[in-house]
Amino acid sequence: VSVPVWFNWDGTAIRIFTGVKSAKVKRIWRDARVT
């Protein structure tokens, strides 16, 4: 499942803010592999 997001890259980590109840968070809790 692919969705557009705002992101921050600091040279070490990508960070994205979202709602704790979002579908993408639920999917990450189930399987943390992402691109």
PDB file of all heavy atoms in Angstrom:
ATOM      1  N   VAL A   1       0.880  -1.170   0.000  1.00  0.00           N
ATOM      2  CA  VAL A   1       0.000   0.000   0.000  1.00  0.00           C
ATOM      3  C   VAL A   1       0.916   1.219   0.000  1.00  0.00           C
ATOM      4  O   VAL A   1       1.759   1.366   0.892  1.00  0.00           O
ATOM      5  CB  VAL A   1      -0.913   0.029   1.245  1.00  0.00           C
ATOM      6  CG1 VAL A   1      -1.763   1.290   1.247  1.00  0.00           C
ATOM      7  CG2 VAL A   1      -1.773  -1.206   1.321  1.00  0.00           C
ATOM      8  N   SER A   2       0.766   2.093  -0.988  1.00  0.00           N
ATOM      9  CA  SER A   2       1.622   3.269  -1.117  1.00  0.00           C
ATOM     10  C   SER A   2       0.802   4.538  -0.967  1.00  0.00           C
ATOM     11  O   SER A   2      -0.281   4.647  -1.542  1.00  0.00           O
ATOM     12  CB  SER A   2       2.310   3.274  -2.485  1.00  0.00           C
ATOM     13  OG  SER A   2       3.120   2.121  -2.621  1.00  0.00           O
ATOM     14  N   VAL A   3       1.336   5.484  -0.174  1.00  0.00           N
ATOM     15  CA  VAL A   3       0.659   6.763   0.049  1.00  0.00           C
ATOM     16  C   VAL A   3       1.692   7.891   0.029  1.00  0.00           C
ATOM     17  O   VAL A   3       2.831   7.702   0.457  1.00  0.00           O
ATOM     18  CB  VAL A   3      -0.111   6.784   1.393  1.00  0.00           C
ATOM     19  CG1 VAL A   3      -1.249   5.786   1.388  1.00  0.00           C
ATOM     20  CG2 VAL A   3       0.810   6.531   2.572  1.00  0.00           C
ATOM     21  N   PRO A   4       1.294   9.073  -0.478  1.00  0.00           N
ATOM     22  CA  PRO A   4       2.201  10.218  -0.446  1.00  0.00           C
ATOM     23  C   PRO A   4       2.288  10.784   0.974  1.00  0.00           C
ATOM     24  O   PRO A   4       1.289  10.805   1.692  1.00  0.00           O
ATOM     25  CB  PRO A   4       1.551  11.219  -1.407  1.00  0.00           C
ATOM     26  CG  PRO A   4       0.109  10.856  -1.422  1.00  0.00           C
ATOM     27  CD  PRO A   4       0.026   9.385  -1.146  1.00  0.00           C
ATOM     28  N   VAL A   5       3.486  11.219   1.362  1.00  0.00           N
ATOM     29  CA  VAL A   5       3.699  11.766   2.702  1.00  0.00           C
ATOM     30  C   VAL A   5       4.689  12.923   2.652  1.00  0.00           C
ATOM     31  O   VAL A   5       5.531  13.014   1.762  1.00  0.00           O
ATOM     32  CB  VAL A   5       4.234  10.698   3.685  1.00  0.00           C
ATOM     33  CG1 VAL A   5       3.210   9.596   3.934  1.00  0.00           C
ATOM     34  CG2 VAL A   5       5.560  10.104   3.214  1.00  0.00           C
ATOM     35  N   TRP A   6       4.565  13.789   3.653  1.00  0.00           N
ATOM     36  CA  TRP A   6       5.611  14.759   3.946  1.00  0.00           C
ATOM     37  C   TRP A   6       6.670  14.015   4.747  1.00  0.00           C
ATOM     38  O   TRP A   6       6.352  13.130   5.548  1.00  0.00           O
ATOM     39  CB  TRP A   6       5.086  15.881   4.808  1.00  0.00           C
ATOM     40  CG  TRP A   6       4.032  16.760   4.220  1.00  0.00           C
ATOM     41  CD1 TRP A   6       3.592  16.824   2.932  1.00  0.00           C
ATOM     42  CD2 TRP A   6       3.280  17.737   4.941  1.00  0.00           C
ATOM     43  NE1 TRP A   6       2.625  17.768   2.806  1.00  0.00           N
ATOM     44  CE2 TRP A   6       2.409  18.354   4.032  1.00  0.00           C
ATOM     45  CE3 TRP A   6       3.256  18.152   6.270  1.00  0.00           C
ATOM     46  CZ2 TRP A   6       1.532  19.362   4.410  1.00  0.00           C
ATOM     47  CZ3 TRP A   6       2.388  19.157   6.643  1.00  0.00           C
ATOM     48  CH2 TRP A   6       1.539  19.758   5.714  1.00  0.00           C
ATOM     49  N   PHE A   7       7.939  14.385   4.579  1.00  0.00           N
ATOM     50  CA  PHE A   7       8.990  13.691   5.309  1.00  0.00           C
ATOM     51  C   PHE A   7      10.150  14.627   5.607  1.00  0.00           C
ATOM     52  O   PHE A   7      10.315  15.666   4.974  1.00  0.00           O
ATOM     53  CB  PHE A   7       9.493  12.475   4.502  1.00  0.00           C
ATOM     54  CG  PHE A   7      10.293  12.869   3.289  1.00  0.00           C
ATOM     55  CD1 PHE A   7      11.678  12.944   3.345  1.00  0.00           C
ATOM     56  CD2 PHE A   7       9.655  13.180   2.099  1.00  0.00           C
ATOM     57  CE1 PHE A   7      12.409  13.322   2.235  1.00  0.00           C
ATOM     58  CE2 PHE A   7      10.373  13.554   0.981  1.00  0.00           C
ATOM     59  CZ  PHE A   7      11.758  13.629   1.045  1.00  0.00           C
ATOM     60  N   ASN A   8      10.944  14.221   6.575  1.00  0.00           N
ATOM     61  CA  ASN A   8      12.186  14.905   6.905  1.00  0.00           C
ATOM     62  C   ASN A   8      13.310  13.869   6.859  1.00  0.00           C
ATOM     63  O   ASN A   8      13.171  12.778   7.420  1.00  0.00           O
ATOM     64  CB  ASN A   8      12.101  15.507   8.316  1.00  0.00           C
ATOM     65  CG  ASN A   8      13.376  16.234   8.683  1.00  0.00           C
ATOM     66  OD1 ASN A   8      13.674  17.273   8.124  1.00  0.00           O
ATOM     67  ND2 ASN A   8      14.141  15.674   9.605  1.00  0.00           N
ATOM     68  N   TRP A   9      14.384  14.210   6.172  1.00  0.00           N
ATOM     69  CA  TRP A   9      15.577  13.376   6.118  1.00  0.00           C
ATOM     70  C   TRP A   9      16.714  14.181   6.728  1.00  0.00           C
ATOM     71  O   TRP A   9      17.013  15.283   6.259  1.00  0.00           O
ATOM     72  CB  TRP A   9      15.899  12.985   4.677  1.00  0.00           C
ATOM     73  CG  TRP A   9      17.256  12.404   4.433  1.00  0.00           C
ATOM     74  CD1 TRP A   9      18.267  12.959   3.713  1.00  0.00           C
ATOM     75  CD2 TRP A   9      17.755  11.135   4.878  1.00  0.00           C
ATOM     76  NE1 TRP A   9      19.352  12.122   3.680  1.00  0.00           N
ATOM     77  CE2 TRP A   9      19.067  10.987   4.400  1.00  0.00           C
ATOM     78  CE3 TRP A   9      17.218  10.107   5.652  1.00  0.00           C
ATOM     79  CZ2 TRP A   9      19.850   9.865   4.653  1.00  0.00           C
ATOM     80  CZ3 TRP A   9      17.994   8.985   5.906  1.00  0.00           C
ATOM     81  CH2 TRP A   9      19.285   8.867   5.404  1.00  0.00           C
ATOM     82  N   ASP A  10      17.363  13.660   7.754  1.00  0.00           N
ATOM     83  CA  ASP A  10      18.443  14.386   8.421  1.00  0.00           C
ATOM     84  C   ASP A  10      19.817  13.793   8.113  1.00  0.00           C
ATOM     85  O   ASP A  10      20.801  14.136   8.759  1.00  0.00           O
ATOM     86  CB  ASP A  10      18.204  14.444   9.926  1.00  0.00           C
ATOM     87  CG  ASP A  10      18.259  13.080  10.603  1.00  0.00           C
ATOM     88  OD1 ASP A  10      18.611  12.080   9.941  1.00  0.00           O
ATOM     89  OD2 ASP A  10      17.946  13.023  11.810  1.00  0.00           O
ATOM     90  N   GLY A  11      19.883  12.925   7.133  1.00  0.00           N
ATOM     91  CA  GLY A  11      21.138  12.276   6.787  1.00  0.00           C
ATOM     92  C   GLY A  11      21.304  10.921   7.455  1.00  0.00           C
ATOM     93  O   GLY A  11      22.171  10.139   7.082  1.00  0.00           O
ATOM     94  N   THR A  12      20.454  10.637   8.439  1.00  0.00           N
ATOM     95  CA  THR A  12      20.494   9.368   9.159  1.00  0.00           C
ATOM     96  C   THR A  12      19.150   8.665   9.155  1.00  0.00           C
ATOM     97  O   THR A  12      19.081   7.460   8.980  1.00  0.00           O
ATOM     98  CB  THR A  12      20.920   9.599  10.624  1.00  0.00           C
ATOM     99  OG1 THR A  12      22.200  10.237  10.629  1.00  0.00           O
ATOM    100  CG2 THR A  12      21.011   8.294  11.389  1.00  0.00           C
ATOM    101  N   ALA A  13      18.083   9.441   9.353  1.00  0.00           N
ATOM    102  CA  ALA A  13      16.740   8.851   9.491  1.00  0.00           C
ATOM    103  C   ALA A  13      15.710   9.676   8.729  1.00  0.00           C
ATOM    104  O   ALA A  13      15.838  10.889   8.593  1.00  0.00           O
ATOM    105  CB  ALA A  13      16.335   8.770  10.961  1.00  0.00           C
ATOM    106  N   ILE A  14      14.699   8.965   8.263  1.00  0.00           N
ATOM    107  CA  ILE A  14      13.496   9.579   7.696  1.00  0.00           C
ATOM    108  C   ILE A  14      12.498   9.677   8.831  1.00  0.00           C
ATOM    109  O   ILE A  14      12.321   8.718   9.592  1.00  0.00           O
ATOM    110  CB  ILE A  14      12.891   8.680   6.585  1.00  0.00           C
ATOM    111  CG1 ILE A  14      13.809   8.629   5.370  1.00  0.00           C
ATOM    112  CG2 ILE A  14      11.481   9.117   6.219  1.00  0.00           C
ATOM    113  CD1 ILE A  14      13.776   9.845   4.492  1.00  0.00           C
ATOM    114  N   ARG A  15      11.813  10.815   8.925  1.00  0.00           N
ATOM    115  CA  ARG A  15      10.748  10.966   9.924  1.00  0.00           C
ATOM    116  C   ARG A  15       9.510  11.543   9.244  1.00  0.00           C
ATOM    117  O   ARG A  15       9.611  12.473   8.448  1.00  0.00           O
ATOM    118  CB  ARG A  15      11.209  11.839  11.075  1.00  0.00           C
ATOM    119  CG  ARG A  15      12.253  11.141  11.920  1.00  0.00           C
ATOM    120  CD  ARG A  15      12.701  11.933  13.133  1.00  0.00           C
ATOM    121  NE  ARG A  15      13.766  11.206  13.815  1.00  0.00           N
ATOM    122  CZ  ARG A  15      15.064  11.258  13.459  1.00  0.00           C
ATOM    123  NH1 ARG A  15      15.442  12.014  12.459  1.00  0.00           N
ATOM    124  NH2 ARG A  15      15.954  10.558  14.131  1.00  0.00           N
ATOM    125  N   ILE A  16       8.360  10.958   9.601  1.00  0.00           N
ATOM    126  CA  ILE A  16       7.057  11.322   9.051  1.00  0.00           C
ATOM    127  C   ILE A  16       6.113  11.452  10.237  1.00  0.00           C
ATOM    128  O   ILE A  16       6.088  10.570  11.090  1.00  0.00           O
ATOM    129  CB  ILE A  16       6.549  10.200   8.109  1.00  0.00           C
ATOM    130  CG1 ILE A  16       7.537   9.961   6.971  1.00  0.00           C
ATOM    131  CG2 ILE A  16       5.141  10.477   7.616  1.00  0.00           C
ATOM    132  CD1 ILE A  16       7.393   8.601   6.302  1.00  0.00           C
ATOM    133  N   PHE A  17       5.332  12.530  10.299  1.00  0.00           N
ATOM    134  CA  PHE A  17       4.327  12.587  11.368  1.00  0.00           C
ATOM    135  C   PHE A  17       3.001  12.098  10.793  1.00  0.00           C
ATOM    136  O   PHE A  17       2.724  12.234   9.608  1.00  0.00           O
ATOM    137  CB  PHE A  17       4.185  14.002  11.963  1.00  0.00           C
ATOM    138  CG  PHE A  17       3.295  14.908  11.159  1.00  0.00           C
ATOM    139  CD1 PHE A  17       1.940  14.991  11.434  1.00  0.00           C
ATOM    140  CD2 PHE A  17       3.809  15.659  10.131  1.00  0.00           C
ATOM    141  CE1 PHE A  17       1.111  15.807  10.677  1.00  0.00           C
ATOM    142  CE2 PHE A  17       2.994  16.477   9.367  1.00  0.00           C
ATOM    143  CZ  PHE A  17       1.647  16.551   9.652  1.00  0.00           C
ATOM    144  N   THR A  18       2.193  11.523  11.658  1.00  0.00           N
ATOM    145  CA  THR A  18       0.888  11.019  11.244  1.00  0.00           C
ATOM    146  C   THR A  18       0.021  10.819  12.480  1.00  0.00           C
ATOM    147  O   THR A  18       0.484  10.985  13.600  1.00  0.00           O
ATOM    148  CB  THR A  18       1.028   9.703  10.442  1.00  0.00           C
ATOM    149  OG1 THR A  18      -0.220   9.382   9.841  1.00  0.00           O
ATOM    150  CG2 THR A  18       1.497   8.557  11.319  1.00  0.00           C
ATOM    151  N   GLY A  19      -1.215  10.443  12.251  1.00  0.00           N
ATOM    152  CA  GLY A  19      -2.112  10.133  13.352  1.00  0.00           C
ATOM    153  C   GLY A  19      -1.836   8.739  13.899  1.00  0.00           C
ATOM    154  O   GLY A  19      -1.541   7.814  13.128  1.00  0.00           O
ATOM    155  N   VAL A  20      -1.946   8.586  15.207  1.00  0.00           N
ATOM    156  CA  VAL A  20      -1.659   7.285  15.828  1.00  0.00           C
ATOM    157  C   VAL A  20      -2.630   6.204  15.361  1.00  0.00           C
ATOM    158  O   VAL A  20      -2.304   5.021  15.407  1.00  0.00           O
ATOM    159  CB  VAL A  20      -1.660   7.361  17.372  1.00  0.00           C
ATOM    160  CG1 VAL A  20      -0.541   8.245  17.869  1.00  0.00           C
ATOM    161  CG2 VAL A  20      -2.988   7.819  17.917  1.00  0.00           C
ATOM    162  N   LYS A  21      -3.808   6.608  14.898  1.00  0.00           N
ATOM    163  CA  LYS A  21      -4.810   5.639  14.451  1.00  0.00           C
ATOM    164  C   LYS A  21      -4.832   5.464  12.933  1.00  0.00           C
ATOM    165  O   LYS A  21      -5.725   4.814  12.396  1.00  0.00           O
ATOM    166  CB  LYS A  21      -6.192   6.066  14.936  1.00  0.00           C
ATOM    167  CG  LYS A  21      -6.308   6.077  16.455  1.00  0.00           C
ATOM    168  CD  LYS A  21      -7.653   6.566  16.903  1.00  0.00           C
ATOM    169  CE  LYS A  21      -7.700   6.671  18.422  1.00  0.00           C
ATOM    170  NZ  LYS A  21      -8.935   7.294  18.893  1.00  0.00           N
ATOM    171  N   SER A  22      -3.842   6.019  12.250  1.00  0.00           N
ATOM    172  CA  SER A  22      -3.841   5.927  10.782  1.00  0.00           C
ATOM    173  C   SER A  22      -3.609   4.482  10.333  1.00  0.00           C
ATOM    174  O   SER A  22      -2.997   3.674  11.037  1.00  0.00           O
ATOM    175  CB  SER A  22      -2.767   6.840  10.192  1.00  0.00           C
ATOM    176  OG  SER A  22      -1.477   6.316  10.445  1.00  0.00           O
ATOM    177  N   ALA A  23      -4.093   4.187   9.148  1.00  0.00           N
ATOM    178  CA  ALA A  23      -3.936   2.838   8.594  1.00  0.00           C
ATOM    179  C   ALA A  23      -2.468   2.481   8.400  1.00  0.00           C
ATOM    180  O   ALA A  23      -2.076   1.329   8.622  1.00  0.00           O
ATOM    181  CB  ALA A  23      -4.705   2.730   7.277  1.00  0.00           C
ATOM    182  N   LYS A  24      -1.650   3.457   8.011  1.00  0.00           N
ATOM    183  CA  LYS A  24      -0.231   3.140   7.794  1.00  0.00           C
ATOM    184  C   LYS A  24       0.449   2.738   9.101  1.00  0.00           C
ATOM    185  O   LYS A  24       1.292   1.850   9.126  1.00  0.00           O
ATOM    186  CB  LYS A  24       0.502   4.266   7.071  1.00  0.00           C
ATOM    187  CG  LYS A  24       0.515   5.604   7.710  1.00  0.00           C
ATOM    188  CD  LYS A  24       1.174   6.614   6.757  1.00  0.00           C
ATOM    189  CE  LYS A  24       0.802   8.040   7.076  1.00  0.00           C
ATOM    190  NZ  LYS A  24      -0.556   8.399   6.731  1.00  0.00           N
ATOM    191  N   VAL A  25       0.066   3.370  10.221  1.00  0.00           N
ATOM    192  CA  VAL A  25       0.626   2.990  11.522  1.00  0.00           C
ATOM    193  C   VAL A  25       0.193   1.569  11.879  1.00  0.00           C
ATOM    194  O   VAL A  25       1.011   0.759  12.329  1.00  0.00           O
ATOM    195  CB  VAL A  25       0.217   4.000  12.613  1.00  0.00           C
ATOM    196  CG1 VAL A  25       0.528   3.471  14.007  1.00  0.00           C
ATOM    197  CG2 VAL A  25       0.918   5.336  12.379  1.00  0.00           C
ATOM    198  N   LYS A  26      -1.055   1.249  11.648  1.00  0.00           N
ATOM    199  CA  LYS A  26      -1.531  -0.112  11.923  1.00  0.00           C
ATOM    200  C   LYS A  26      -0.766  -1.144  11.096  1.00  0.00           C
ATOM    201  O   LYS A  26      -0.403  -2.210  11.594  1.00  0.00           O
ATOM    202  CB  LYS A  26      -3.030  -0.211  11.652  1.00  0.00           C
ATOM    203  CG  LYS A  26      -3.865   0.563  12.640  1.00  0.00           C
ATOM    204  CD  LYS A  26      -5.325   0.535  12.274  1.00  0.00           C
ATOM    205  CE  LYS A  26      -6.110   1.463  13.197  1.00  0.00           C
ATOM    206  NZ  LYS A  26      -7.503   1.595  12.787  1.00  0.00           N
ATOM    207  N   ARG A  27      -0.519  -0.801   9.825  1.00  0.00           N
ATOM    208  CA  ARG A  27       0.232  -1.734   8.982  1.00  0.00           C
ATOM    209  C   ARG A  27       1.670  -1.888   9.475  1.00  0.00           C
ATOM    210  O   ARG A  27       2.231  -2.987   9.472  1.00  0.00           O
ATOM    211  CB  ARG A  27       0.191  -1.277   7.519  1.00  0.00           C
ATOM    212  CG  ARG A  27      -1.177  -1.455   6.875  1.00  0.00           C
ATOM    213  CD  ARG A  27      -1.143  -1.201   5.374  1.00  0.00           C
ATOM    214  NE  ARG A  27      -0.786   0.166   5.023  1.00  0.00           N
ATOM    215  CZ  ARG A  27      -1.669   1.169   4.876  1.00  0.00           C
ATOM    216  NH1 ARG A  27      -2.970   0.966   5.043  1.00  0.00           N
ATOM    217  NH2 ARG A  27      -1.248   2.357   4.535  1.00  0.00           N
ATOM    218  N   ILE A  28       2.294  -0.797   9.916  1.00  0.00           N
ATOM    219  CA  ILE A  28       3.681  -0.861  10.410  1.00  0.00           C
ATOM    220  C   ILE A  28       3.759  -1.667  11.697  1.00  0.00           C
ATOM    221  O   ILE A  28       4.707  -2.434  11.893  1.00  0.00           O
ATOM    222  CB  ILE A  28       4.266   0.551  10.577  1.00  0.00           C
ATOM    223  CG1 ILE A  28       4.492   1.188   9.192  1.00  0.00           C
ATOM    224  CG2 ILE A  28       5.575   0.521  11.378  1.00  0.00           C
ATOM    225  CD1 ILE A  28       4.798   2.667   9.219  1.00  0.00           C
ATOM    226  N   TRP A  29       2.771  -1.528  12.583  1.00  0.00           N
ATOM    227  CA  TRP A  29       2.770  -2.350  13.794  1.00  0.00           C
ATOM    228  C   TRP A  29       2.737  -3.835  13.427  1.00  0.00           C
ATOM    229  O   TRP A  29       3.364  -4.664  14.080  1.00  0.00           O
ATOM    230  CB  TRP A  29       1.584  -2.018  14.696  1.00  0.00           C
ATOM    231  CG  TRP A  29       1.764  -0.786  15.530  1.00  0.00           C
ATOM    232  CD1 TRP A  29       0.972   0.323  15.532  1.00  0.00           C
ATOM    233  CD2 TRP A  29       2.786  -0.512  16.506  1.00  0.00           C
ATOM    234  NE1 TRP A  29       1.435   1.260  16.426  1.00  0.00           N
ATOM    235  CE2 TRP A  29       2.552   0.766  17.045  1.00  0.00           C
ATOM    236  CE3 TRP A  29       3.879  -1.232  16.974  1.00  0.00           C
ATOM    237  CZ2 TRP A  29       3.359   1.339  18.023  1.00  0.00           C
ATOM    238  CZ3 TRP A  29       4.694  -0.652  17.948  1.00  0.00           C
ATOM    239  CH2 TRP A  29       4.423   0.605  18.457  1.00  0.00           C
ATOM    240  N   ARG A  30       2.023  -4.171  12.366  1.00  0.00           N
ATOM    241  CA  ARG A  30       1.886  -5.568  11.950  1.00  0.00           C
ATOM    242  C   ARG A  30       3.145  -6.059  11.231  1.00  0.00           C
ATOM    243  O   ARG A  30       3.568  -7.193  11.395  1.00  0.00           O
ATOM    244  CB  ARG A  30       0.661  -5.711  11.051  1.00  0.00           C
ATOM    245  CG  ARG A  30       0.288  -7.127  10.716  1.00  0.00           C
ATOM    246  CD  ARG A  30      -1.025  -7.270   9.964  1.00  0.00           C
ATOM    247  NE  ARG A  30      -1.222  -6.298   8.920  1.00  0.00           N
ATOM    248  CZ  ARG A  30      -2.159  -5.334   8.927  1.00  0.00           C
ATOM    249  NH1 ARG A  30      -3.001  -5.220   9.921  1.00  0.00           N
ATOM    250  NH2 ARG A  30      -2.271  -4.485   7.923  1.00  0.00           N
ATOM    251  N   ASP A  31       3.723  -5.195  10.387  1.00  0.00           N
ATOM    252  CA  ASP A  31       4.909  -5.561   9.607  1.00  0.00           C
ATOM    253  C   ASP A  31       5.701  -4.281   9.393  1.00  0.00           C
ATOM    254  O   ASP A  31       5.254  -3.389   8.655  1.00  0.00           O
ATOM    255  CB  ASP A  31       4.494  -6.180   8.270  1.00  0.00           C
ATOM    256  CG  ASP A  31       5.665  -6.751   7.487  1.00  0.00           C
ATOM    257  OD1 ASP A  31       6.816  -6.279   7.667  1.00  0.00           O
ATOM    258  OD2 ASP A  31       5.438  -7.665   6.672  1.00  0.00           O
ATOM    259  N   ALA A  32       6.844  -4.168  10.018  1.00  0.00           N
ATOM    260  CA  ALA A  32       7.616  -2.918  10.038  1.00  0.00           C
ATOM    261  C   ALA A  32       8.385  -2.639   8.752  1.00  0.00           C
ATOM    262  O   ALA A  32       8.956  -1.552   8.601  1.00  0.00           O
ATOM    263  CB  ALA A  32       8.585  -2.939  11.218  1.00  0.00           C
ATOM    264  N   ARG A  33       8.389  -3.568   7.803  1.00  0.00           N
ATOM    265  CA  ARG A  33       9.140  -3.341   6.562  1.00  0.00           C
ATOM    266  C   ARG A  33       8.460  -2.266   5.720  1.00  0.00           C
ATOM    267  O   ARG A  33       7.267  -2.357   5.430  1.00  0.00           O
ATOM    268  CB  ARG A  33       9.253  -4.631   5.754  1.00  0.00           C
ATOM    269  CG  ARG A  33      10.094  -5.692   6.443  1.00  0.00           C
ATOM    270  CD  ARG A  33      10.087  -6.988   5.694  1.00  0.00           C
ATOM    271  NE  ARG A  33       8.729  -7.545   5.676  1.00  0.00           N
ATOM    272  CZ  ARG A  33       8.303  -8.471   4.844  1.00  0.00           C
ATOM    273  NH1 ARG A  33       9.118  -8.968   3.933  1.00  0.00           N
ATOM    274  NH2 ARG A  33       7.071  -8.925   4.917  1.00  0.00           N
ATOM    275  N   VAL A  34       9.248  -1.246   5.328  1.00  0.00           N
ATOM    276  CA  VAL A  34       8.718  -0.134   4.542  1.00  0.00           C
ATOM    277  C   VAL A  34       9.751   0.311   3.512  1.00  0.00           C
ATOM    278  O   VAL A  34      10.934  -0.009   3.621  1.00  0.00           O
ATOM    279  CB  VAL A  34       8.332   1.082   5.424  1.00  0.00           C
ATOM    280  CG1 VAL A  34       7.305   0.702   6.481  1.00  0.00           C
ATOM    281  CG2 VAL A  34       9.548   1.717   6.060  1.00  0.00           C
ATOM    282  N   THR A  35       9.262   1.071   2.551  1.00  0.00           N
ATOM    283  CA  THR A  35      10.098   1.802   1.606  1.00  0.00           C
ATOM    284  C   THR A  35       9.534   3.206   1.485  1.00  0.00           C
ATOM    285  O   THR A  35       8.309   3.389   1.439  1.00  0.00           O
ATOM    286  CB  THR A  35      10.092   1.130   0.218  1.00  0.00           C
ATOM    287  OG1 THR A  35      10.742  -0.131   0.309  1.00  0.00           O
ATOM    288  CG2 THR A  35      10.805   1.973  -0.822  1.00  0.00           C
TER     289      THR A  35
END
